[in-house]
Amino acid sequence: MKAIEAIGRIDEHGQIVLDRALEVTNFDRVRVLVLFPDSVADSDPPDLQLEETQTEMEMDIERSDRADKQRPNPLDDLWERIEEEV
């Protein structure tokens, strides 16, 4: 199973609306996991909830992207070992 992270909102009909279209070629059924930030209070107006949610998710994505760039690529190490053996 593959995972794709996307940001969107839930509309007034309870449907998920993504900010961008997914770039996929397999149009099959999917499994969806919806994450809500802990800081969004039930008493906040929906527009404020959406803004807070989007901001927090964008920050999470940025942190994840930075962590991915800092993480060493295991394939680089593998190629180095292969080249040493040859």
Protein backbone atom coordinates (compact mmCIF):
# COMPACT_ATOMS: atom_id res chain seq x y z
CA MET A 1 0.00 0.00 0.00
CA LYS A 2 1.34 3.45 -0.96
CA ALA A 3 0.70 6.66 0.94
CA ILE A 4 0.16 10.14 -0.49
CA GLU A 5 -0.16 13.17 1.74
CA ALA A 6 -2.58 15.86 0.64
CA ILE A 7 -4.21 18.88 2.24
CA GLY A 8 -7.85 19.75 1.88
CA ARG A 9 -11.00 20.49 3.78
CA ILE A 10 -14.30 18.89 4.60
CA ASP A 11 -17.20 20.71 2.97
CA GLU A 12 -20.69 21.31 4.32
CA HIS A 13 -21.80 17.91 2.94
CA GLY A 14 -19.04 16.03 4.76
CA GLN A 15 -17.10 15.45 1.53
CA ILE A 16 -13.31 15.78 1.40
CA VAL A 17 -12.17 18.49 -1.02
CA LEU A 18 -8.44 18.48 -1.76
CA ASP A 19 -6.52 21.69 -2.45
CA ARG A 20 -4.83 20.08 -5.47
CA ALA A 21 -5.64 17.13 -7.69
CA LEU A 22 -3.72 13.94 -6.94
CA GLU A 23 -1.26 12.92 -9.63
CA VAL A 24 -2.14 9.24 -9.84
CA THR A 25 -2.70 6.82 -12.69
CA ASN A 26 -4.52 4.11 -10.76
CA PHE A 27 -8.16 5.09 -10.25
CA ASP A 28 -9.21 2.53 -7.68
CA ARG A 29 -10.76 2.65 -4.24
CA VAL A 30 -8.57 4.27 -1.57
CA ARG A 31 -8.26 4.23 2.18
CA VAL A 32 -8.38 7.71 3.75
CA LEU A 33 -7.05 8.81 7.13
CA VAL A 34 -8.20 12.28 8.21
CA LEU A 35 -6.07 14.12 10.77
CA PHE A 36 -7.39 17.03 12.81
CA PRO A 37 -4.98 19.19 14.83
CA ASP A 38 -5.47 19.04 18.59
CA SER A 39 -5.49 22.83 18.86
CA VAL A 40 -8.70 23.29 16.90
CA ALA A 41 -11.45 23.86 19.45
CA ASP A 42 -15.00 22.75 18.66
CA SER A 43 -16.27 26.23 19.54
CA ASP A 44 -14.11 27.99 16.92
CA PRO A 45 -15.94 29.20 13.81
CA PRO A 46 -15.44 26.83 10.80
CA ASP A 47 -13.40 29.41 8.85
CA LEU A 48 -10.97 29.82 11.73
CA GLN A 49 -10.72 26.05 12.14
CA LEU A 50 -9.90 25.68 8.45
CA GLU A 51 -7.25 28.41 8.59
CA GLU A 52 -5.61 26.92 11.68
CA THR A 53 -5.74 23.42 10.23
CA GLN A 54 -4.23 24.47 6.92
CA THR A 55 -1.47 26.49 8.60
CA GLU A 56 -0.55 23.64 10.96
CA MET A 57 -0.56 21.08 8.16
CA GLU A 58 1.61 23.27 5.94
CA MET A 59 4.08 23.65 8.81
CA ASP A 60 4.09 19.86 9.33
CA ILE A 61 4.79 19.31 5.64
CA GLU A 62 7.65 21.84 5.69
CA ARG A 63 9.17 20.13 8.76
CA SER A 64 8.83 16.75 7.08
CA ASP A 65 10.44 18.03 3.87
CA ARG A 66 13.38 19.49 5.81
CA ALA A 67 13.83 16.23 7.71
CA ASP A 68 13.77 14.25 4.46
CA LYS A 69 16.47 16.47 2.98
CA GLN A 70 18.68 16.05 6.06
CA ARG A 71 18.19 12.28 6.22
CA PRO A 72 20.95 10.37 4.40
CA ASN A 73 19.87 8.38 1.38
CA PRO A 74 20.48 4.65 2.07
CA LEU A 75 20.97 4.04 -1.65
CA ASP A 76 24.01 6.32 -1.67
CA ASP A 77 25.67 4.12 0.93
CA LEU A 78 24.74 0.99 -1.01
CA TRP A 79 26.22 2.34 -4.24
CA GLU A 80 29.41 3.35 -2.43
CA ARG A 81 29.83 -0.19 -1.06
CA ILE A 82 29.18 -1.70 -4.51
CA GLU A 83 31.77 0.59 -6.11
CA GLU A 84 34.32 -0.34 -3.42
CA GLU A 85 33.82 -4.04 -4.12
CA VAL A 86 34.27 -3.64 -7.87
